[in-house]
Amino acid sequence: MPSLRLDQLASRHVGPVSLEIAAGECVCLRGASGSGKSVLLRAIADLDPHGGEAFLDDHACSAMPAPQWRRQVALVMAESQWWAAQVGEHFAHGLRPEWLERLGLAADAAQWEVARCSTGERQRLALLRTLMLQPAVLLLDEPTGNLDADSTRRVEALLRDYQADSGCAVLWVSHDEAQAARVAHRQFVLDGGQLREQAEQ
């Protein structure tokens, strides 16, 4: 799996940001509300206009078709998007039953109507939808923000195993200091549009 490298990436009030996340590494990003954490993730995912450049190893975002980049550098947003009535319609290659079980979701989740899913169920299903694409980089925007403690532990464990198995690089936005301490190899705070690395405790 490749590393993710940001070279003077800037969007709106964020940046320029330079950062490298190695294959298999998890970097956590915290910051005050409105500091631009989601703005940065959207720029990395090439969803918003930005200056600077992002690289998968030596492959520049600007040299790659946007859909190809977004399959490899996948953003899981706090509020997921759903475009069909039934959950299963969003999973072209099916749902892995063992992953459903690990996240505390029923085996028949593919038959559920999206409108009847709770916010937490939609959040876990959106994460599974992304993992099924086997991305090289995961950009996670508060992936457990709507979950209880048990579901949060389940998500953290699945992501830890996926990362260990695939070598995926992860940039994880979390407001939870305890969670960041559990999952991250390194931690940064976004303040005034700039990253500041947090010293190890």
N, C-alpha and C. Protein backbone atom coordinates (compact mmCIF):
# COMPACT_ATOMS: atom_id res chain seq x y z
N MET A 1 0.84 -1.20 0.00
CA MET A 1 0.00 0.00 0.00
C MET A 1 0.88 1.25 0.00
N PRO A 2 0.46 2.28 -0.72
CA PRO A 2 1.26 3.50 -0.79
C PRO A 2 1.06 4.40 0.43
N SER A 3 1.97 5.34 0.57
CA SER A 3 1.83 6.38 1.58
C SER A 3 1.04 7.54 0.97
N LEU A 4 0.54 8.41 1.85
CA LEU A 4 -0.12 9.65 1.44
C LEU A 4 0.79 10.81 1.79
N ARG A 5 1.03 11.68 0.82
CA ARG A 5 1.87 12.86 1.08
C ARG A 5 1.16 14.11 0.63
N LEU A 6 1.10 15.10 1.51
CA LEU A 6 0.53 16.40 1.19
C LEU A 6 1.66 17.40 1.05
N ASP A 7 1.66 18.13 -0.06
CA ASP A 7 2.70 19.11 -0.34
C ASP A 7 2.06 20.48 -0.51
N GLN A 8 2.10 21.28 0.55
CA GLN A 8 1.57 22.64 0.53
C GLN A 8 0.11 22.68 0.10
N LEU A 9 -0.67 21.73 0.58
CA LEU A 9 -2.09 21.65 0.23
C LEU A 9 -2.84 22.77 0.96
N ALA A 10 -3.70 23.47 0.24
CA ALA A 10 -4.43 24.60 0.82
C ALA A 10 -5.82 24.68 0.20
N SER A 11 -6.81 24.95 1.06
CA SER A 11 -8.19 25.12 0.60
C SER A 11 -8.90 26.06 1.55
N ARG A 12 -9.51 27.08 0.98
CA ARG A 12 -10.21 28.09 1.78
C ARG A 12 -9.29 28.62 2.89
N HIS A 13 -9.71 28.45 4.16
CA HIS A 13 -8.93 29.03 5.26
C HIS A 13 -7.95 28.03 5.87
N VAL A 14 -7.70 26.93 5.18
CA VAL A 14 -6.80 25.90 5.72
C VAL A 14 -5.55 25.79 4.85
N GLY A 15 -4.40 25.75 5.53
CA GLY A 15 -3.15 25.50 4.82
C GLY A 15 -2.35 26.76 4.59
N PRO A 16 -1.22 26.58 3.89
CA PRO A 16 -0.76 25.34 3.26
C PRO A 16 -0.30 24.30 4.30
N VAL A 17 -0.64 23.04 4.00
CA VAL A 17 -0.35 21.92 4.89
C VAL A 17 0.56 20.93 4.16
N SER A 18 1.63 20.54 4.83
CA SER A 18 2.51 19.48 4.33
C SER A 18 2.57 18.39 5.39
N LEU A 19 2.36 17.15 4.95
CA LEU A 19 2.27 16.03 5.89
C LEU A 19 2.48 14.74 5.11
N GLU A 20 3.14 13.76 5.73
CA GLU A 20 3.24 12.43 5.13
C GLU A 20 2.72 11.40 6.12
N ILE A 21 1.84 10.52 5.62
CA ILE A 21 1.30 9.42 6.42
C ILE A 21 1.75 8.13 5.76
N ALA A 22 2.52 7.35 6.47
CA ALA A 22 3.08 6.12 5.91
C ALA A 22 2.00 5.06 5.74
N ALA A 23 2.26 4.12 4.85
CA ALA A 23 1.38 2.95 4.74
C ALA A 23 1.30 2.26 6.10
N GLY A 24 0.08 1.96 6.53
CA GLY A 24 -0.13 1.31 7.81
C GLY A 24 -0.14 2.23 9.01
N GLU A 25 0.01 3.52 8.79
CA GLU A 25 0.03 4.48 9.89
C GLU A 25 -1.33 5.15 10.05
N CYS A 26 -1.70 5.43 11.29
CA CYS A 26 -2.91 6.20 11.60
C CYS A 26 -2.50 7.52 12.25
N VAL A 27 -2.92 8.60 11.63
CA VAL A 27 -2.69 9.95 12.17
C VAL A 27 -4.04 10.53 12.56
N CYS A 28 -4.15 11.01 13.80
CA CYS A 28 -5.39 11.63 14.27
C CYS A 28 -5.27 13.15 14.21
N LEU A 29 -6.38 13.77 13.84
CA LEU A 29 -6.45 15.22 13.71
C LEU A 29 -7.58 15.73 14.59
N ARG A 30 -7.24 16.67 15.45
CA ARG A 30 -8.25 17.31 16.29
C ARG A 30 -8.18 18.82 16.07
N GLY A 31 -9.18 19.51 16.59
CA GLY A 31 -9.22 20.96 16.46
C GLY A 31 -10.60 21.46 16.82
N ALA A 32 -10.69 22.76 17.10
CA ALA A 32 -11.97 23.36 17.47
C ALA A 32 -12.97 23.27 16.32
N SER A 33 -14.24 23.34 16.66
CA SER A 33 -15.28 23.38 15.65
C SER A 33 -15.04 24.57 14.72
N GLY A 34 -15.10 24.32 13.42
CA GLY A 34 -14.87 25.39 12.46
C GLY A 34 -13.41 25.63 12.12
N SER A 35 -12.51 24.81 12.66
CA SER A 35 -11.08 25.01 12.42
C SER A 35 -10.66 24.55 11.02
N GLY A 36 -11.53 23.76 10.37
CA GLY A 36 -11.23 23.37 8.99
C GLY A 36 -10.85 21.92 8.81
N LYS A 37 -11.14 21.08 9.79
CA LYS A 37 -10.77 19.67 9.68
C LYS A 37 -11.46 19.01 8.48
N SER A 38 -12.76 19.23 8.37
CA SER A 38 -13.50 18.64 7.24
C SER A 38 -13.08 19.27 5.92
N VAL A 39 -12.76 20.55 5.94
CA VAL A 39 -12.28 21.24 4.73
C VAL A 39 -11.00 20.57 4.23
N LEU A 40 -10.10 20.26 5.16
CA LEU A 40 -8.85 19.62 4.78
C LEU A 40 -9.10 18.23 4.19
N LEU A 41 -9.97 17.45 4.82
CA LEU A 41 -10.26 16.12 4.30
C LEU A 41 -10.86 16.19 2.90
N ARG A 42 -11.77 17.13 2.68
CA ARG A 42 -12.40 17.26 1.37
C ARG A 42 -11.38 17.68 0.31
N ALA A 43 -10.42 18.50 0.69
CA ALA A 43 -9.38 18.89 -0.26
C ALA A 43 -8.50 17.70 -0.62
N ILE A 44 -8.14 16.90 0.39
CA ILE A 44 -7.31 15.72 0.13
C ILE A 44 -8.04 14.75 -0.80
N ALA A 45 -9.36 14.62 -0.58
CA ALA A 45 -10.17 13.72 -1.40
C ALA A 45 -10.48 14.31 -2.78
N ASP A 46 -10.01 15.51 -3.05
CA ASP A 46 -10.22 16.19 -4.34
C ASP A 46 -11.70 16.46 -4.59
N LEU A 47 -12.42 16.76 -3.51
CA LEU A 47 -13.83 17.11 -3.63
C LEU A 47 -14.04 18.62 -3.69
N ASP A 48 -13.07 19.39 -3.23
CA ASP A 48 -13.13 20.85 -3.26
C ASP A 48 -11.90 21.40 -3.97
N PRO A 49 -12.01 22.59 -4.57
CA PRO A 49 -10.82 23.22 -5.18
C PRO A 49 -9.74 23.42 -4.13
N HIS A 50 -8.48 23.25 -4.55
CA HIS A 50 -7.39 23.41 -3.59
C HIS A 50 -6.11 23.75 -4.34
N GLY A 51 -5.20 24.35 -3.61
CA GLY A 51 -3.86 24.57 -4.10
C GLY A 51 -2.94 23.50 -3.57
N GLY A 52 -1.71 23.48 -4.04
CA GLY A 52 -0.76 22.46 -3.61
C GLY A 52 -1.08 21.13 -4.26
N GLU A 53 -0.55 20.08 -3.67
CA GLU A 53 -0.69 18.76 -4.29
C GLU A 53 -0.76 17.68 -3.23
N ALA A 54 -1.44 16.58 -3.58
CA ALA A 54 -1.46 15.37 -2.76
C ALA A 54 -0.93 14.22 -3.62
N PHE A 55 -0.22 13.30 -2.97
CA PHE A 55 0.42 12.19 -3.68
C PHE A 55 0.10 10.87 -3.00
N LEU A 56 -0.13 9.84 -3.82
CA LEU A 56 -0.04 8.45 -3.38
C LEU A 56 1.31 7.95 -3.84
N ASP A 57 2.22 7.77 -2.89
CA ASP A 57 3.63 7.58 -3.26
C ASP A 57 4.03 8.70 -4.21
N ASP A 58 4.39 8.36 -5.46
CA ASP A 58 4.79 9.41 -6.40
C ASP A 58 3.71 9.76 -7.41
N HIS A 59 2.49 9.28 -7.17
CA HIS A 59 1.40 9.53 -8.11
C HIS A 59 0.59 10.73 -7.64
N ALA A 60 0.64 11.82 -8.41
CA ALA A 60 -0.02 13.06 -8.02
C ALA A 60 -1.52 12.99 -8.26
N CYS A 61 -2.27 13.59 -7.34
CA CYS A 61 -3.71 13.69 -7.49
C CYS A 61 -4.08 14.37 -8.81
N SER A 62 -3.36 15.44 -9.15
CA SER A 62 -3.69 16.23 -10.35
C SER A 62 -3.47 15.46 -11.64
N ALA A 63 -2.70 14.36 -11.59
CA ALA A 63 -2.41 13.57 -12.78
C ALA A 63 -3.33 12.36 -12.91
N MET A 64 -4.30 12.25 -12.00
CA MET A 64 -5.15 11.07 -11.95
C MET A 64 -6.61 11.49 -12.13
N PRO A 65 -7.41 10.75 -12.89
CA PRO A 65 -8.84 11.06 -12.98
C PRO A 65 -9.47 11.07 -11.58
N ALA A 66 -10.34 12.03 -11.32
CA ALA A 66 -10.91 12.19 -9.98
C ALA A 66 -11.56 10.92 -9.45
N PRO A 67 -12.37 10.19 -10.23
CA PRO A 67 -12.98 8.97 -9.67
C PRO A 67 -11.94 7.94 -9.25
N GLN A 68 -10.84 7.84 -10.01
CA GLN A 68 -9.79 6.89 -9.65
C GLN A 68 -9.12 7.29 -8.35
N TRP A 69 -8.83 8.59 -8.18
CA TRP A 69 -8.23 9.08 -6.94
C TRP A 69 -9.16 8.80 -5.75
N ARG A 70 -10.44 9.08 -5.92
CA ARG A 70 -11.38 8.96 -4.80
C ARG A 70 -11.67 7.52 -4.42
N ARG A 71 -11.46 6.58 -5.35
CA ARG A 71 -11.56 5.17 -4.97
C ARG A 71 -10.39 4.75 -4.09
N GLN A 72 -9.23 5.34 -4.33
CA GLN A 72 -8.03 4.98 -3.58
C GLN A 72 -7.86 5.81 -2.31
N VAL A 73 -8.29 7.07 -2.37
CA VAL A 73 -8.21 7.98 -1.22
C VAL A 73 -9.66 8.29 -0.84
N ALA A 74 -10.21 7.45 0.04
CA ALA A 74 -11.66 7.43 0.28
C ALA A 74 -12.03 8.21 1.53
N LEU A 75 -12.99 9.10 1.38
CA LEU A 75 -13.49 9.91 2.49
C LEU A 75 -14.78 9.32 3.03
N VAL A 76 -14.80 9.08 4.35
CA VAL A 76 -16.02 8.69 5.04
C VAL A 76 -16.46 9.89 5.86
N MET A 77 -17.54 10.52 5.43
CA MET A 77 -18.00 11.76 6.07
C MET A 77 -18.85 11.46 7.29
N ALA A 78 -18.95 12.45 8.17
CA ALA A 78 -19.75 12.29 9.38
C ALA A 78 -21.21 12.02 9.02
N GLU A 79 -21.72 12.69 8.00
CA GLU A 79 -23.08 12.47 7.50
C GLU A 79 -22.96 11.85 6.12
N SER A 80 -23.27 10.58 6.00
CA SER A 80 -23.07 9.86 4.75
C SER A 80 -24.17 10.17 3.74
N GLN A 81 -23.84 9.96 2.47
CA GLN A 81 -24.77 10.18 1.37
C GLN A 81 -25.39 8.85 0.93
N TRP A 82 -26.68 8.88 0.70
CA TRP A 82 -27.42 7.69 0.24
C TRP A 82 -28.28 8.08 -0.94
N TRP A 83 -28.23 7.32 -2.02
CA TRP A 83 -28.90 7.72 -3.26
C TRP A 83 -29.96 6.73 -3.72
N ALA A 84 -30.14 5.62 -3.00
CA ALA A 84 -31.15 4.63 -3.34
C ALA A 84 -31.94 4.28 -2.08
N ALA A 85 -33.11 3.68 -2.28
CA ALA A 85 -34.01 3.44 -1.15
C ALA A 85 -33.52 2.33 -0.22
N GLN A 86 -32.90 1.30 -0.79
CA GLN A 86 -32.52 0.13 0.00
C GLN A 86 -31.01 0.09 0.23
N VAL A 87 -30.63 -0.36 1.41
CA VAL A 87 -29.20 -0.42 1.77
C VAL A 87 -28.41 -1.21 0.74
N GLY A 88 -28.89 -2.39 0.36
CA GLY A 88 -28.13 -3.27 -0.53
C GLY A 88 -27.82 -2.67 -1.88
N GLU A 89 -28.63 -1.69 -2.32
CA GLU A 89 -28.39 -1.05 -3.62
C GLU A 89 -27.10 -0.24 -3.64
N HIS A 90 -26.55 0.03 -2.47
CA HIS A 90 -25.31 0.81 -2.36
C HIS A 90 -24.07 -0.07 -2.30
N PHE A 91 -24.27 -1.39 -2.36
CA PHE A 91 -23.16 -2.34 -2.24
C PHE A 91 -23.13 -3.22 -3.50
N ALA A 92 -22.44 -2.74 -4.52
CA ALA A 92 -22.43 -3.44 -5.81
C ALA A 92 -21.87 -4.86 -5.70
N HIS A 93 -20.98 -5.07 -4.75
CA HIS A 93 -20.34 -6.39 -4.62
C HIS A 93 -20.80 -7.13 -3.36
N GLY A 94 -21.93 -6.70 -2.81
CA GLY A 94 -22.47 -7.37 -1.64
C GLY A 94 -21.83 -6.89 -0.35
N LEU A 95 -22.39 -7.38 0.75
CA LEU A 95 -21.92 -7.04 2.09
C LEU A 95 -21.24 -8.25 2.71
N ARG A 96 -20.12 -8.03 3.37
CA ARG A 96 -19.43 -9.14 4.03
C ARG A 96 -20.13 -9.43 5.36
N PRO A 97 -20.74 -10.62 5.49
CA PRO A 97 -21.51 -10.93 6.71
C PRO A 97 -20.68 -10.80 7.98
N GLU A 98 -19.40 -11.19 7.90
CA GLU A 98 -18.58 -11.13 9.11
C GLU A 98 -18.34 -9.69 9.56
N TRP A 99 -18.29 -8.76 8.59
CA TRP A 99 -18.12 -7.35 8.96
C TRP A 99 -19.41 -6.79 9.57
N LEU A 100 -20.55 -7.18 9.04
CA LEU A 100 -21.82 -6.77 9.64
C LEU A 100 -21.88 -7.23 11.09
N GLU A 101 -21.53 -8.50 11.31
CA GLU A 101 -21.57 -9.04 12.66
C GLU A 101 -20.61 -8.30 13.58
N ARG A 102 -19.43 -8.01 13.08
CA ARG A 102 -18.44 -7.33 13.92
C ARG A 102 -18.90 -5.94 14.34
N LEU A 103 -19.71 -5.30 13.50
CA LEU A 103 -20.19 -3.96 13.83
C LEU A 103 -21.55 -3.98 14.52
N GLY A 104 -22.03 -5.18 14.88
CA GLY A 104 -23.29 -5.26 15.60
C GLY A 104 -24.50 -5.01 14.73
N LEU A 105 -24.36 -5.28 13.41
CA LEU A 105 -25.47 -5.08 12.48
C LEU A 105 -26.04 -6.43 12.08
N ALA A 106 -27.34 -6.48 11.81
CA ALA A 106 -28.02 -7.73 11.49
C ALA A 106 -27.58 -8.27 10.13
N ALA A 107 -27.67 -9.58 9.99
CA ALA A 107 -27.24 -10.23 8.75
C ALA A 107 -28.09 -9.82 7.55
N ASP A 108 -29.33 -9.37 7.81
CA ASP A 108 -30.21 -8.97 6.71
C ASP A 108 -30.18 -7.46 6.45
N ALA A 109 -29.11 -6.79 6.88
CA ALA A 109 -29.03 -5.33 6.75
C ALA A 109 -29.16 -4.87 5.30
N ALA A 110 -28.74 -5.68 4.35
CA ALA A 110 -28.83 -5.29 2.94
C ALA A 110 -30.27 -5.08 2.51
N GLN A 111 -31.23 -5.73 3.20
CA GLN A 111 -32.64 -5.59 2.84
C GLN A 111 -33.32 -4.40 3.52
N TRP A 112 -32.61 -3.73 4.39
CA TRP A 112 -33.20 -2.60 5.11
C TRP A 112 -33.47 -1.43 4.17
N GLU A 113 -34.52 -0.66 4.52
CA GLU A 113 -34.75 0.62 3.86
C GLU A 113 -33.85 1.66 4.54
N VAL A 114 -33.13 2.44 3.75
CA VAL A 114 -32.22 3.45 4.30
C VAL A 114 -32.98 4.41 5.22
N ALA A 115 -34.18 4.79 4.84
CA ALA A 115 -34.95 5.77 5.62
C ALA A 115 -35.27 5.27 7.02
N ARG A 116 -35.27 3.96 7.23
CA ARG A 116 -35.61 3.41 8.53
C ARG A 116 -34.37 3.17 9.40
N CYS A 117 -33.19 3.38 8.85
CA CYS A 117 -31.96 3.18 9.61
C CYS A 117 -31.72 4.35 10.56
N SER A 118 -31.20 4.04 11.73
CA SER A 118 -30.81 5.10 12.65
C SER A 118 -29.56 5.80 12.14
N THR A 119 -29.25 6.93 12.70
CA THR A 119 -28.04 7.66 12.32
C THR A 119 -26.81 6.80 12.53
N GLY A 120 -26.75 6.08 13.65
CA GLY A 120 -25.60 5.23 13.93
C GLY A 120 -25.49 4.06 12.97
N GLU A 121 -26.65 3.47 12.58
CA GLU A 121 -26.63 2.38 11.61
C GLU A 121 -26.13 2.88 10.25
N ARG A 122 -26.60 4.04 9.84
CA ARG A 122 -26.15 4.60 8.56
C ARG A 122 -24.65 4.88 8.61
N GLN A 123 -24.17 5.35 9.75
CA GLN A 123 -22.74 5.67 9.87
C GLN A 123 -21.89 4.40 9.74
N ARG A 124 -22.31 3.32 10.38
CA ARG A 124 -21.55 2.07 10.28
C ARG A 124 -21.65 1.46 8.88
N LEU A 125 -22.82 1.53 8.27
CA LEU A 125 -22.98 1.01 6.92
C LEU A 125 -22.17 1.81 5.90
N ALA A 126 -22.09 3.12 6.10
CA ALA A 126 -21.29 3.94 5.19
C ALA A 126 -19.81 3.58 5.29
N LEU A 127 -19.35 3.28 6.49
CA LEU A 127 -17.97 2.84 6.66
C LEU A 127 -17.74 1.52 5.92
N LEU A 128 -18.65 0.56 6.07
CA LEU A 128 -18.52 -0.72 5.38
C LEU A 128 -18.54 -0.53 3.86
N ARG A 129 -19.40 0.36 3.39
CA ARG A 129 -19.47 0.65 1.95
C ARG A 129 -18.12 1.10 1.42
N THR A 130 -17.42 1.91 2.20
CA THR A 130 -16.11 2.38 1.79
C THR A 130 -15.06 1.29 1.88
N LEU A 131 -15.07 0.51 2.95
CA LEU A 131 -14.08 -0.55 3.12
C LEU A 131 -14.18 -1.60 2.02
N MET A 132 -15.39 -1.82 1.49
CA MET A 132 -15.56 -2.80 0.42
C MET A 132 -14.78 -2.40 -0.84
N LEU A 133 -14.46 -1.11 -0.98
CA LEU A 133 -13.69 -0.63 -2.14
C LEU A 133 -12.19 -0.88 -1.96
N GLN A 134 -11.79 -1.29 -0.75
CA GLN A 134 -10.39 -1.55 -0.42
C GLN A 134 -9.48 -0.36 -0.75
N PRO A 135 -9.77 0.80 -0.18
CA PRO A 135 -8.96 1.98 -0.47
C PRO A 135 -7.56 1.86 0.10
N ALA A 136 -6.64 2.59 -0.51
CA ALA A 136 -5.26 2.65 -0.02
C ALA A 136 -5.12 3.64 1.12
N VAL A 137 -6.01 4.65 1.14
CA VAL A 137 -6.01 5.69 2.18
C VAL A 137 -7.44 5.88 2.65
N LEU A 138 -7.63 5.97 3.96
CA LEU A 138 -8.93 6.28 4.54
C LEU A 138 -8.87 7.66 5.19
N LEU A 139 -9.80 8.51 4.82
CA LEU A 139 -9.99 9.81 5.44
C LEU A 139 -11.29 9.72 6.24
N LEU A 140 -11.18 9.73 7.55
CA LEU A 140 -12.32 9.47 8.42
C LEU A 140 -12.72 10.74 9.17
N ASP A 141 -13.94 11.20 8.93
CA ASP A 141 -14.44 12.42 9.57
C ASP A 141 -15.41 12.02 10.68
N GLU A 142 -14.90 11.93 11.90
CA GLU A 142 -15.70 11.54 13.07
C GLU A 142 -16.49 10.26 12.80
N PRO A 143 -15.81 9.16 12.48
CA PRO A 143 -16.53 7.94 12.08
C PRO A 143 -17.33 7.28 13.19
N THR A 144 -17.10 7.70 14.45
CA THR A 144 -17.86 7.13 15.56
C THR A 144 -18.65 8.22 16.29
N GLY A 145 -18.83 9.36 15.65
CA GLY A 145 -19.45 10.51 16.31
C GLY A 145 -20.87 10.28 16.78
N ASN A 146 -21.61 9.38 16.12
CA ASN A 146 -23.01 9.13 16.48
C ASN A 146 -23.21 7.78 17.16
N LEU A 147 -22.12 7.17 17.64
CA LEU A 147 -22.20 5.81 18.14
C LEU A 147 -22.04 5.74 19.66
N ASP A 148 -22.64 4.71 20.24
CA ASP A 148 -22.46 4.46 21.67
C ASP A 148 -21.09 3.81 21.90
N ALA A 149 -20.76 3.58 23.16
CA ALA A 149 -19.42 3.11 23.50
C ALA A 149 -19.14 1.73 22.89
N ASP A 150 -20.13 0.83 22.91
CA ASP A 150 -19.91 -0.51 22.37
C ASP A 150 -19.68 -0.45 20.86
N SER A 151 -20.52 0.29 20.14
CA SER A 151 -20.35 0.40 18.69
C SER A 151 -19.04 1.10 18.33
N THR A 152 -18.65 2.08 19.14
CA THR A 152 -17.37 2.75 18.91
C THR A 152 -16.22 1.77 19.01
N ARG A 153 -16.22 0.92 20.03
CA ARG A 153 -15.16 -0.09 20.19
C ARG A 153 -15.14 -1.05 18.99
N ARG A 154 -16.33 -1.41 18.51
CA ARG A 154 -16.41 -2.32 17.37
C ARG A 154 -15.81 -1.68 16.11
N VAL A 155 -16.13 -0.41 15.87
CA VAL A 155 -15.59 0.29 14.70
C VAL A 155 -14.08 0.41 14.82
N GLU A 156 -13.58 0.80 15.98
CA GLU A 156 -12.14 0.93 16.16
C GLU A 156 -11.43 -0.39 15.90
N ALA A 157 -12.00 -1.50 16.38
CA ALA A 157 -11.37 -2.81 16.20
C ALA A 157 -11.36 -3.22 14.73
N LEU A 158 -12.47 -2.99 14.03
CA LEU A 158 -12.53 -3.35 12.61
C LEU A 158 -11.54 -2.53 11.80
N LEU A 159 -11.47 -1.24 12.09
CA LEU A 159 -10.53 -0.38 11.37
C LEU A 159 -9.08 -0.78 11.67
N ARG A 160 -8.80 -1.12 12.92
CA ARG A 160 -7.45 -1.54 13.28
C ARG A 160 -7.05 -2.79 12.51
N ASP A 161 -7.99 -3.75 12.39
CA ASP A 161 -7.69 -4.98 11.67
C ASP A 161 -7.58 -4.74 10.17
N TYR A 162 -8.46 -3.91 9.62
CA TYR A 162 -8.37 -3.60 8.19
C TYR A 162 -7.03 -2.94 7.88
N GLN A 163 -6.62 -2.03 8.74
CA GLN A 163 -5.36 -1.33 8.53
C GLN A 163 -4.18 -2.30 8.62
N ALA A 164 -4.21 -3.21 9.58
CA ALA A 164 -3.12 -4.18 9.73
C ALA A 164 -3.06 -5.13 8.54
N ASP A 165 -4.23 -5.54 8.04
CA ASP A 165 -4.28 -6.49 6.92
C ASP A 165 -3.90 -5.85 5.59
N SER A 166 -4.30 -4.58 5.40
CA SER A 166 -4.15 -3.95 4.09
C SER A 166 -2.97 -2.98 3.99
N GLY A 167 -2.47 -2.51 5.14
CA GLY A 167 -1.43 -1.48 5.11
C GLY A 167 -1.96 -0.11 4.77
N CYS A 168 -3.27 0.07 4.92
CA CYS A 168 -3.92 1.34 4.59
C CYS A 168 -3.39 2.47 5.48
N ALA A 169 -3.17 3.64 4.88
CA ALA A 169 -2.84 4.86 5.63
C ALA A 169 -4.15 5.54 6.04
N VAL A 170 -4.21 6.04 7.28
CA VAL A 170 -5.46 6.58 7.82
C VAL A 170 -5.21 7.99 8.38
N LEU A 171 -6.09 8.92 7.98
CA LEU A 171 -6.16 10.23 8.61
C LEU A 171 -7.54 10.32 9.26
N TRP A 172 -7.57 10.38 10.57
CA TRP A 172 -8.79 10.19 11.37
C TRP A 172 -9.06 11.47 12.15
N VAL A 173 -10.16 12.15 11.82
CA VAL A 173 -10.59 13.32 12.58
C VAL A 173 -11.43 12.85 13.76
N SER A 174 -11.04 13.23 14.96
CA SER A 174 -11.79 12.86 16.17
C SER A 174 -11.71 13.99 17.18
N HIS A 175 -12.84 14.27 17.83
CA HIS A 175 -12.84 15.26 18.90
C HIS A 175 -12.47 14.63 20.23
N ASP A 176 -12.36 13.30 20.26
CA ASP A 176 -12.20 12.54 21.49
C ASP A 176 -10.71 12.26 21.75
N GLU A 177 -10.16 12.91 22.76
CA GLU A 177 -8.74 12.73 23.07
C GLU A 177 -8.41 11.29 23.42
N ALA A 178 -9.31 10.63 24.17
CA ALA A 178 -9.06 9.24 24.57
C ALA A 178 -9.05 8.34 23.35
N GLN A 179 -9.95 8.58 22.41
CA GLN A 179 -9.96 7.79 21.19
C GLN A 179 -8.68 8.01 20.39
N ALA A 180 -8.27 9.25 20.25
CA ALA A 180 -7.04 9.55 19.52
C ALA A 180 -5.86 8.82 20.14
N ALA A 181 -5.82 8.78 21.47
CA ALA A 181 -4.72 8.08 22.14
C ALA A 181 -4.76 6.59 21.86
N ARG A 182 -5.96 6.03 21.68
CA ARG A 182 -6.09 4.59 21.41
C ARG A 182 -5.67 4.23 20.00
N VAL A 183 -6.05 5.04 19.02
CA VAL A 183 -5.94 4.60 17.62
C VAL A 183 -4.74 5.19 16.87
N ALA A 184 -4.19 6.31 17.34
CA ALA A 184 -3.23 7.05 16.51
C ALA A 184 -1.78 6.70 16.82
N HIS A 185 -0.98 6.69 15.76
CA HIS A 185 0.47 6.64 15.90
C HIS A 185 1.03 8.05 16.16
N ARG A 186 0.39 9.04 15.52
CA ARG A 186 0.75 10.44 15.74
C ARG A 186 -0.54 11.25 15.81
N GLN A 187 -0.46 12.41 16.52
CA GLN A 187 -1.62 13.29 16.66
C GLN A 187 -1.23 14.72 16.28
N PHE A 188 -2.19 15.39 15.61
CA PHE A 188 -2.01 16.78 15.23
C PHE A 188 -3.25 17.57 15.63
N VAL A 189 -3.05 18.86 15.88
CA VAL A 189 -4.15 19.80 16.10
C VAL A 189 -4.13 20.79 14.94
N LEU A 190 -5.32 21.06 14.38
CA LEU A 190 -5.45 22.07 13.34
C LEU A 190 -5.89 23.37 14.00
N ASP A 191 -5.04 24.37 13.90
CA ASP A 191 -5.27 25.64 14.59
C ASP A 191 -4.79 26.77 13.69
N GLY A 192 -5.68 27.71 13.42
CA GLY A 192 -5.31 28.82 12.54
C GLY A 192 -4.94 28.37 11.14
N GLY A 193 -5.53 27.26 10.71
CA GLY A 193 -5.27 26.74 9.38
C GLY A 193 -3.99 25.95 9.24
N GLN A 194 -3.26 25.76 10.35
CA GLN A 194 -1.98 25.06 10.32
C GLN A 194 -2.01 23.84 11.25
N LEU A 195 -1.22 22.84 10.87
CA LEU A 195 -1.10 21.65 11.71
C LEU A 195 -0.02 21.84 12.76
N ARG A 196 -0.32 21.40 13.97
CA ARG A 196 0.67 21.40 15.04
C ARG A 196 0.71 20.01 15.64
N GLU A 197 1.88 19.37 15.58
CA GLU A 197 1.97 18.02 16.10
C GLU A 197 1.95 18.02 17.60
N GLN A 198 1.22 17.06 18.17
CA GLN A 198 1.12 16.91 19.62
C GLN A 198 2.22 15.97 20.09
N ALA A 199 2.92 16.39 21.15
CA ALA A 199 3.96 15.55 21.70
C ALA A 199 3.33 14.32 22.35
N GLU A 200 4.04 13.21 22.33
CA GLU A 200 3.55 11.99 22.97
C GLU A 200 3.46 12.22 24.47
N GLN A 201 2.38 11.65 25.04
CA GLN A 201 2.18 11.78 26.48
C GLN A 201 3.11 10.85 27.24
